[in-house]
Amino acid sequence: MLLIKTNKDTLLKPVQIVSGVIERRQAYPILSNILIRQDQEKTTFLASDSDIQIKTEIKPSLDPGQHFSMTVPAKKLQDILRSLANDGEIRLARQDDHLQVKSGKSAFNLQILPAEDFPEITETSEPEATVTLSQKTLKNLLHHIQFCVAQQNIRYYMNGLLLSTHEQQLTGVSTDGHRLALLATQLNQTQPKQEVIIPRKTAIELSKLLTDSDDLVKIEYFQKKIRFSFSDTVLISKVIEGKFPDYNRVIPLNNDKTFEIDRITLLQSLQRVSILSNVSENFRGVRLIISSGNLCIICKNSEQEEAQEELEIDYQDEKNLDVSMNINYLMDILNNVNSEKIQLAFENENSSILITVPGYDEFKYIVMPMRI
């Protein structure tokens, strides 16, 4: 029985949108599948890993005359569609417990599983709060902070990203215990105080799906879930339960020894000296020796090899500084902001370093010093 007749791009795009959430190894075989459902109004594609679910729709339905619901192996279907000719017609037909994908003289038969066995995540209650903003604003927020989210930290609440709404502001915060990134953005509507921790994977998938457009995304907060709706796509995620650290206490207030520097120049210098840093990521330290008009960057390794570079800076404070930090943490921020310059601010050699973008007070990046 013929189910769908369409072109490659029309079918491949929704399959790619939802497939990113699927893990390679699943406890339940059906979670390796995509749920495809078609009725009179739309054709729906849905995938889940039991914690995060992505659903996208094609409107109107690819074939309003055919109503069906089934699950198909996601990776196999995606690989098949990618391999087919761009200008060829694709036909999906059901043959008992198999789905046939046919294009030209190529034919593939995939095993299907019952749609009723798919563990779809639903939310029937009303949201506790709703926030609406542009896709590019949310995408920018996630881009600036998600690289700081911890991975498999014993403090489980650090394995996610905090979204905090209060009055007319949405603030995103992430930390791994050694560094913290924060970005605040203004909202068009006043909101009650609401905090939720979304998993790292949710933030990554959301960043992939959002566009740099003024099209809106709606964020809905539920008791133990959060829902993002934009374009024809809906992402539902469970949230991490727990209390996120009080990030306001981490932001240094007395870092009055500052200088601005060209971002690319500093990044390229760090990339060069890092060649002789330690291989172990946990011990890849860099020394910043700051004196009047001069920044000296030094990397050493356990073989007693050393790399050194000097840069001119506009630093006129009488107090010289000798600060060490993880070079990866410093290069991460330089790779994830797009500004021409950045500002580094210090209180003393043992205090947290505050890194900001000149003229962009909404963003803050704090790094703990290290001993090397």
Protein backbone atom coordinates (compact mmCIF):
# COMPACT_ATOMS: atom_id res chain seq x y z
CA MET A 1 0.00 0.00 0.00
CA LEU A 2 1.50 3.32 -1.10
CA LEU A 3 1.75 5.76 1.81
CA ILE A 4 3.79 8.73 0.60
CA LYS A 5 5.09 9.94 -2.74
CA THR A 6 7.39 12.97 -2.58
CA ASN A 7 10.89 14.29 -3.26
CA LYS A 8 14.08 13.69 -1.29
CA ASP A 9 14.38 17.06 0.49
CA THR A 10 10.79 17.06 1.69
CA LEU A 11 11.32 13.74 3.45
CA LEU A 12 14.96 14.05 4.53
CA LYS A 13 14.63 17.40 6.30
CA PRO A 14 12.11 16.32 9.01
CA VAL A 15 13.97 13.02 9.48
CA GLN A 16 17.20 14.94 10.16
CA ILE A 17 15.46 17.36 12.53
CA VAL A 18 14.21 14.65 14.87
CA SER A 19 17.04 12.10 14.51
CA GLY A 20 19.58 14.13 16.48
CA VAL A 21 17.97 13.20 19.78
CA ILE A 22 18.33 9.45 19.25
CA GLU A 23 21.17 7.73 21.11
CA ARG A 24 23.23 5.01 19.42
CA ARG A 25 22.55 2.59 22.25
CA GLN A 26 19.00 2.38 23.53
CA ALA A 27 17.53 0.33 26.34
CA TYR A 28 14.41 -0.18 24.23
CA PRO A 29 14.72 -0.98 20.49
CA ILE A 30 11.73 1.17 19.58
CA LEU A 31 13.60 4.30 20.78
CA SER A 32 15.96 3.79 17.84
CA ASN A 33 12.97 4.42 15.58
CA ILE A 34 11.17 7.47 14.26
CA LEU A 35 7.43 7.62 14.71
CA ILE A 36 5.77 8.71 11.45
CA ARG A 37 2.09 9.60 11.63
CA GLN A 38 -0.14 10.97 8.89
CA ASP A 39 -3.71 12.22 8.92
CA GLN A 40 -5.85 14.56 6.86
CA GLU A 41 -4.07 17.72 8.07
CA LYS A 42 -0.39 16.90 8.53
CA THR A 43 2.45 14.39 8.43
CA THR A 44 4.27 14.16 11.76
CA PHE A 45 7.80 12.91 12.50
CA LEU A 46 8.75 12.23 16.12
CA ALA A 47 11.80 10.83 17.95
CA SER A 48 12.71 10.46 21.61
CA ASP A 49 15.35 9.16 24.01
CA SER A 50 12.72 9.00 26.81
CA ASP A 51 14.03 12.26 28.36
CA ILE A 52 13.90 14.53 25.31
CA GLN A 53 11.41 14.40 22.46
CA ILE A 54 11.48 16.28 19.14
CA LYS A 55 8.45 16.47 16.87
CA THR A 56 8.15 18.25 13.54
CA GLU A 57 5.28 18.49 11.10
CA ILE A 58 4.68 18.92 7.40
CA LYS A 59 1.51 20.84 6.58
CA PRO A 60 -0.55 20.06 4.66
CA SER A 61 -0.28 16.29 4.80
CA LEU A 62 2.00 14.71 2.17
CA ASP A 63 -0.96 12.56 1.12
CA PRO A 64 -4.25 13.52 2.81
CA GLY A 65 -5.86 10.36 1.47
CA GLN A 66 -3.60 8.05 3.46
CA HIS A 67 -3.90 7.82 7.25
CA PHE A 68 -1.27 5.73 9.02
CA SER A 69 1.03 5.51 12.03
CA MET A 70 4.24 3.45 12.34
CA THR A 71 7.84 3.53 13.57
CA VAL A 72 10.90 3.08 11.33
CA PRO A 73 14.64 2.70 12.17
CA ALA A 74 15.91 6.29 12.26
CA LYS A 75 19.54 5.92 11.24
CA LYS A 76 18.82 3.46 8.45
CA LEU A 77 16.07 5.65 7.00
CA GLN A 78 18.26 8.74 7.20
CA ASP A 79 21.23 7.00 5.55
CA ILE A 80 19.01 5.65 2.77
CA LEU A 81 17.50 9.05 2.02
CA ARG A 82 20.93 10.70 1.96
CA SER A 83 22.23 8.14 -0.51
CA LEU A 84 19.43 8.65 -3.04
CA ALA A 85 19.61 11.02 -6.01
CA ASN A 86 18.52 14.59 -5.27
CA ASP A 87 16.09 14.83 -8.18
CA GLY A 88 14.49 11.42 -7.80
CA GLU A 89 10.95 10.73 -6.63
CA ILE A 90 10.71 8.77 -3.37
CA ARG A 91 7.86 6.38 -2.65
CA LEU A 92 7.10 4.90 0.77
CA ALA A 93 4.90 1.83 0.75
CA ARG A 94 3.85 -0.57 3.51
CA GLN A 95 4.23 -4.29 2.98
CA ASP A 96 3.02 -6.21 6.04
CA ASP A 97 5.54 -5.46 8.83
CA HIS A 98 8.00 -3.69 6.52
CA LEU A 99 8.29 -0.25 4.96
CA GLN A 100 9.59 -0.13 1.42
CA VAL A 101 11.60 2.94 0.42
CA LYS A 102 11.81 3.10 -3.37
CA SER A 103 13.44 5.57 -5.74
CA GLY A 104 14.22 4.84 -9.36
CA LYS A 105 15.65 1.34 -9.48
CA SER A 106 16.63 1.32 -5.79
CA ALA A 107 14.43 -0.38 -3.19
CA PHE A 108 14.95 -0.87 0.56
CA ASN A 109 12.75 -2.84 2.94
CA LEU A 110 12.87 -1.70 6.58
CA GLN A 111 11.30 -3.49 9.52
CA ILE A 112 8.68 -1.44 11.33
CA LEU A 113 7.42 -1.60 14.92
CA PRO A 114 3.89 -0.77 16.16
CA ALA A 115 3.27 2.94 16.73
CA GLU A 116 1.21 2.22 19.85
CA ASP A 117 4.36 0.89 21.57
CA PHE A 118 6.25 4.17 21.12
CA PRO A 119 6.66 5.98 24.50
CA GLU A 120 5.49 9.43 23.42
CA ILE A 121 6.05 12.26 25.93
CA THR A 122 2.90 14.33 26.42
CA GLU A 123 1.89 17.18 28.71
CA THR A 124 -1.82 17.73 29.36
CA SER A 125 -1.63 20.31 32.16
CA GLU A 126 -1.48 24.05 31.63
CA PRO A 127 2.02 25.61 31.69
CA GLU A 128 3.08 27.39 34.88
CA ALA A 129 4.65 30.17 32.81
CA THR A 130 5.15 31.04 29.15
CA VAL A 131 7.92 33.11 27.58
CA THR A 132 8.12 34.24 23.95
CA LEU A 133 11.22 35.59 22.24
CA SER A 134 12.93 35.45 18.86
CA GLN A 135 14.77 32.33 17.77
CA LYS A 136 18.01 34.24 17.18
CA THR A 137 17.91 35.68 20.72
CA LEU A 138 17.54 32.25 22.34
CA LYS A 139 20.10 30.71 19.98
CA ASN A 140 22.59 33.47 20.88
CA LEU A 141 21.99 32.92 24.60
CA LEU A 142 22.60 29.17 24.35
CA HIS A 143 25.69 29.66 22.18
CA HIS A 144 27.35 31.94 24.74
CA ILE A 145 26.91 29.68 27.76
CA GLN A 146 26.40 26.01 26.85
CA PHE A 147 30.13 25.26 26.53
CA CYS A 148 30.46 25.71 30.33
CA VAL A 149 27.95 23.01 31.23
CA ALA A 150 29.53 20.17 33.22
CA GLN A 151 29.56 16.63 31.87
CA GLN A 152 28.82 13.75 34.25
CA ASN A 153 29.51 15.87 37.33
CA ILE A 154 28.61 14.24 40.63
CA ARG A 155 26.75 17.47 41.39
CA TYR A 156 24.01 16.56 38.92
CA TYR A 157 22.49 20.04 38.80
CA MET A 158 25.67 21.25 37.08
CA ASN A 159 25.06 18.85 34.17
CA GLY A 160 22.47 21.29 32.90
CA LEU A 161 21.90 24.91 32.02
CA LEU A 162 19.85 27.28 34.15
CA LEU A 163 17.11 29.36 32.53
CA SER A 164 15.84 31.98 34.94
CA THR A 165 13.03 34.42 34.20
CA HIS A 166 12.20 37.39 36.40
CA GLU A 167 10.24 40.50 35.52
CA GLN A 168 11.40 41.44 31.98
CA GLN A 169 14.60 39.42 31.86
CA LEU A 170 15.62 35.91 30.83
CA THR A 171 19.01 34.82 32.19
CA GLY A 172 20.95 31.76 31.13
CA VAL A 173 23.73 30.41 33.37
CA SER A 174 26.06 27.42 33.18
CA THR A 175 28.98 26.25 35.32
CA ASP A 176 31.21 23.22 35.81
CA GLY A 177 32.51 24.37 39.19
CA HIS A 178 35.69 25.93 37.77
CA ARG A 179 34.13 28.55 35.50
CA LEU A 180 30.76 30.17 34.92
CA ALA A 181 29.09 31.83 31.93
CA LEU A 182 26.07 34.12 32.18
CA LEU A 183 24.02 35.97 29.60
CA ALA A 184 20.90 38.03 30.28
CA THR A 185 18.43 39.15 27.64
CA GLN A 186 15.44 41.48 27.81
CA LEU A 187 11.89 40.23 27.29
CA ASN A 188 8.90 42.10 25.95
CA GLN A 189 6.63 40.91 28.74
CA THR A 190 6.86 40.85 32.55
CA GLN A 191 7.34 37.37 34.00
CA PRO A 192 7.11 35.86 37.49
CA LYS A 193 10.32 34.45 38.97
CA GLN A 194 10.85 31.02 37.45
CA GLU A 195 13.96 28.82 37.37
CA VAL A 196 14.52 25.57 35.50
CA ILE A 197 17.62 23.49 34.73
CA ILE A 198 17.59 21.97 31.26
CA PRO A 199 19.93 19.06 30.41
CA ARG A 200 23.09 19.71 28.39
CA LYS A 201 21.78 17.54 25.55
CA THR A 202 18.57 19.57 25.37
CA ALA A 203 20.56 22.80 25.00
CA ILE A 204 22.75 21.29 22.26
CA GLU A 205 19.82 19.95 20.24
CA LEU A 206 17.91 23.19 20.64
CA SER A 207 20.91 25.19 19.39
CA LYS A 208 21.05 23.03 16.27
CA LEU A 209 17.37 23.50 15.48
CA LEU A 210 16.94 27.23 16.15
CA THR A 211 17.59 29.68 13.31
CA ASP A 212 19.15 33.16 13.28
CA SER A 213 15.79 34.72 12.49
CA ASP A 214 13.22 36.94 14.16
CA ASP A 215 10.70 34.07 14.04
CA LEU A 216 9.35 33.41 17.51
CA VAL A 217 9.99 30.54 19.89
CA LYS A 218 7.58 29.87 22.75
CA ILE A 219 8.98 28.45 26.00
CA GLU A 220 6.48 26.78 28.32
CA TYR A 221 7.40 25.76 31.86
CA PHE A 222 5.70 22.73 33.41
CA GLN A 223 6.20 20.97 36.76
CA LYS A 224 8.95 18.62 35.57
CA LYS A 225 9.21 19.44 31.87
CA ILE A 226 9.87 22.32 29.53
CA ARG A 227 8.50 22.76 26.00
CA PHE A 228 9.98 24.80 23.15
CA SER A 229 7.73 25.46 20.15
CA PHE A 230 9.03 27.16 16.99
CA SER A 231 8.30 26.96 13.26
CA ASP A 232 6.71 23.50 12.85
CA THR A 233 8.88 21.88 15.52
CA VAL A 234 8.24 21.11 19.20
CA LEU A 235 10.94 19.98 21.63
CA ILE A 236 9.83 18.64 25.02
CA SER A 237 12.43 17.87 27.66
CA LYS A 238 12.44 16.65 31.23
CA VAL A 239 14.25 19.07 33.53
CA ILE A 240 16.96 18.40 36.09
CA GLU A 241 15.55 18.59 39.60
CA GLY A 242 17.71 20.34 42.15
CA LYS A 243 18.88 23.77 43.28
CA PHE A 244 21.30 25.56 40.97
CA PRO A 245 24.14 27.41 42.78
CA ASP A 246 23.58 31.09 43.59
CA TYR A 247 25.44 32.50 40.61
CA ASN A 248 25.21 36.10 41.85
CA ARG A 249 27.61 35.26 44.69
CA VAL A 250 30.22 34.10 42.15
CA ILE A 251 30.33 37.31 40.12
CA PRO A 252 33.33 39.35 41.31
CA LEU A 253 32.61 42.96 42.26
CA ASN A 254 36.09 44.31 43.00
CA ASN A 255 38.02 43.42 39.84
CA ASP A 256 39.38 46.91 39.14
CA LYS A 257 42.61 45.94 37.36
CA THR A 258 41.55 45.68 33.73
CA PHE A 259 42.72 45.75 30.16
CA GLU A 260 41.14 45.22 26.74
CA ILE A 261 42.75 43.13 24.05
CA ASP A 262 42.01 42.04 20.50
CA ARG A 263 40.25 38.68 20.72
CA ILE A 264 41.81 37.05 17.65
CA THR A 265 45.32 38.23 18.55
CA LEU A 266 45.05 36.72 22.03
CA LEU A 267 43.50 33.51 20.71
CA GLN A 268 46.24 32.98 18.13
CA SER A 269 48.93 33.58 20.76
CA LEU A 270 47.32 31.04 23.08
CA GLN A 271 47.03 28.50 20.29
CA ARG A 272 50.75 28.82 19.60
CA VAL A 273 51.97 28.56 23.18
CA SER A 274 49.55 25.70 23.89
CA ILE A 275 51.65 23.50 21.59
CA LEU A 276 54.02 23.08 24.57
CA SER A 277 51.36 22.76 27.25
CA ASN A 278 50.63 19.51 29.05
CA VAL A 279 48.62 16.91 27.18
CA SER A 280 46.26 16.31 30.11
CA GLU A 281 43.31 18.67 29.83
CA ASN A 282 43.08 19.07 33.63
CA PHE A 283 46.64 20.40 33.87
CA ARG A 284 46.87 22.58 30.76
CA GLY A 285 47.83 25.75 32.57
CA VAL A 286 48.91 29.11 31.14
CA ARG A 287 50.63 31.97 33.00
CA LEU A 288 49.61 35.54 32.28
CA ILE A 289 52.21 38.00 33.56
CA ILE A 290 50.64 41.45 33.37
CA SER A 291 52.68 44.61 33.72
CA SER A 292 52.46 48.17 32.47
CA GLY A 293 51.81 47.99 28.72
CA ASN A 294 52.76 44.31 28.45
CA LEU A 295 51.19 40.85 28.61
CA CYS A 296 53.56 37.89 28.78
CA ILE A 297 51.99 34.48 28.02
CA ILE A 298 53.88 31.38 29.16
CA CYS A 299 53.17 27.66 28.80
CA LYS A 300 55.32 24.87 30.26
CA ASN A 301 54.93 21.12 30.24
CA SER A 302 56.14 18.24 32.39
CA GLU A 303 59.17 17.77 30.07
CA GLN A 304 60.35 21.25 31.14
CA GLU A 305 59.71 22.65 27.66
CA GLU A 306 58.46 26.23 27.46
CA ALA A 307 56.71 28.57 25.02
CA GLN A 308 56.44 32.32 25.54
CA GLU A 309 54.82 35.25 23.74
CA GLU A 310 54.46 38.93 24.55
CA LEU A 311 51.66 41.28 23.55
CA GLU A 312 51.26 45.02 23.99
CA ILE A 313 48.26 45.96 26.14
CA ASP A 314 46.76 49.15 27.51
CA TYR A 315 47.37 48.33 31.19
CA GLN A 316 48.60 51.21 33.35
CA ASP A 317 48.02 49.94 36.90
CA GLU A 318 51.04 50.07 39.20
CA LYS A 319 50.24 46.56 40.45
CA ASN A 320 51.82 43.80 38.34
CA LEU A 321 49.97 40.49 38.21
CA ASP A 322 51.08 36.90 37.72
CA VAL A 323 47.94 34.83 37.13
CA SER A 324 47.59 31.20 36.05
CA MET A 325 44.49 29.57 34.60
CA ASN A 326 43.41 26.60 32.51
CA ILE A 327 44.28 27.50 28.93
CA ASN A 328 41.30 25.54 27.59
CA TYR A 329 38.91 27.70 29.61
CA LEU A 330 40.43 30.85 28.18
CA MET A 331 40.40 29.59 24.58
CA ASP A 332 36.80 28.40 24.97
CA ILE A 333 35.53 31.90 25.64
CA LEU A 334 37.62 33.37 22.81
CA ASN A 335 36.17 30.79 20.41
CA ASN A 336 32.57 31.33 21.51
CA VAL A 337 32.20 35.11 21.36
CA ASN A 338 32.23 37.09 18.13
CA SER A 339 33.41 40.46 19.43
CA GLU A 340 36.48 42.25 18.16
CA LYS A 341 37.80 42.85 21.68
CA ILE A 342 37.40 41.34 25.13
CA GLN A 343 38.14 42.75 28.57
CA LEU A 344 39.93 40.88 31.37
CA ALA A 345 39.46 42.14 34.93
CA PHE A 346 41.36 41.07 38.05
CA GLU A 347 41.26 41.86 41.76
CA ASN A 348 44.49 40.06 42.66
CA GLU A 349 46.47 36.99 41.62
CA ASN A 350 44.30 34.58 43.65
CA SER A 351 40.84 35.89 42.82
CA SER A 352 38.44 34.91 40.05
CA ILE A 353 39.04 36.44 36.62
CA LEU A 354 36.11 38.30 35.05
CA ILE A 355 36.01 38.30 31.25
CA THR A 356 33.49 40.49 29.45
CA VAL A 357 32.78 41.99 26.05
CA PRO A 358 33.18 45.82 25.97
CA GLY A 359 29.79 47.47 25.56
CA TYR A 360 27.92 44.21 26.18
CA ASP A 361 27.20 44.18 29.92
CA GLU A 362 24.67 41.35 29.61
CA PHE A 363 27.45 38.76 29.21
CA LYS A 364 29.89 37.63 31.92
CA TYR A 365 32.44 34.82 32.05
CA ILE A 366 34.18 33.99 35.33
CA VAL A 367 37.20 31.67 35.62
CA MET A 368 38.90 30.41 38.76
CA PRO A 369 42.70 30.72 38.83
CA MET A 370 44.86 27.60 39.11
CA ARG A 371 48.24 26.74 40.55
CA ILE A 372 50.90 25.55 38.09
